[in-house]
């Protein structure tokens, strides 16, 4: 598969720079480490229980984030589309309780945690912004459970991404 080309990575990196608010120079060293990835309809981008190895910036397509209720029921939380980030807990090395499944073909830029660590070291506000988004997503999970009429399991931290 010739999908992960240097030209495609460069194009996707420019979107990544704009999304996270870094300069092109700050991510220049990332170019050889990132990957352009493509997922098919129905394929999982993120699996429940894993610690993400990095973040993925959605370039195109549509995916859905689902969490599992206490009785195994699948609870839809939100749709993910262009410029959304998947795998935010890679920064904190926390496992996630969500699955992200493709509704259509989805293209993403994968940025390994080593790159993210360097970006955060140079730009501490980025860690704060990611933390805020993790909190926002926890609130979405809680709202999805409430909408579905499911009580949130005791002691759940609702780590969603």
Foldseek 3Di string as FASTA:
>chain_A
DCPWDLVVLVVQVVLVCVLLVHDCVLCVVQSVPKTKDKDAAFDWPDDAFAQDQFKKAWQAAKKWKWAAAPVRDTFTQDMDGHGDMPRLCNLVRDTARIIIGGNHMIIIMTGGNVSVVSSCVVPVVSNVVSVVVQVVSLVSVVVRCVVVVGDHDPPDPNRHD
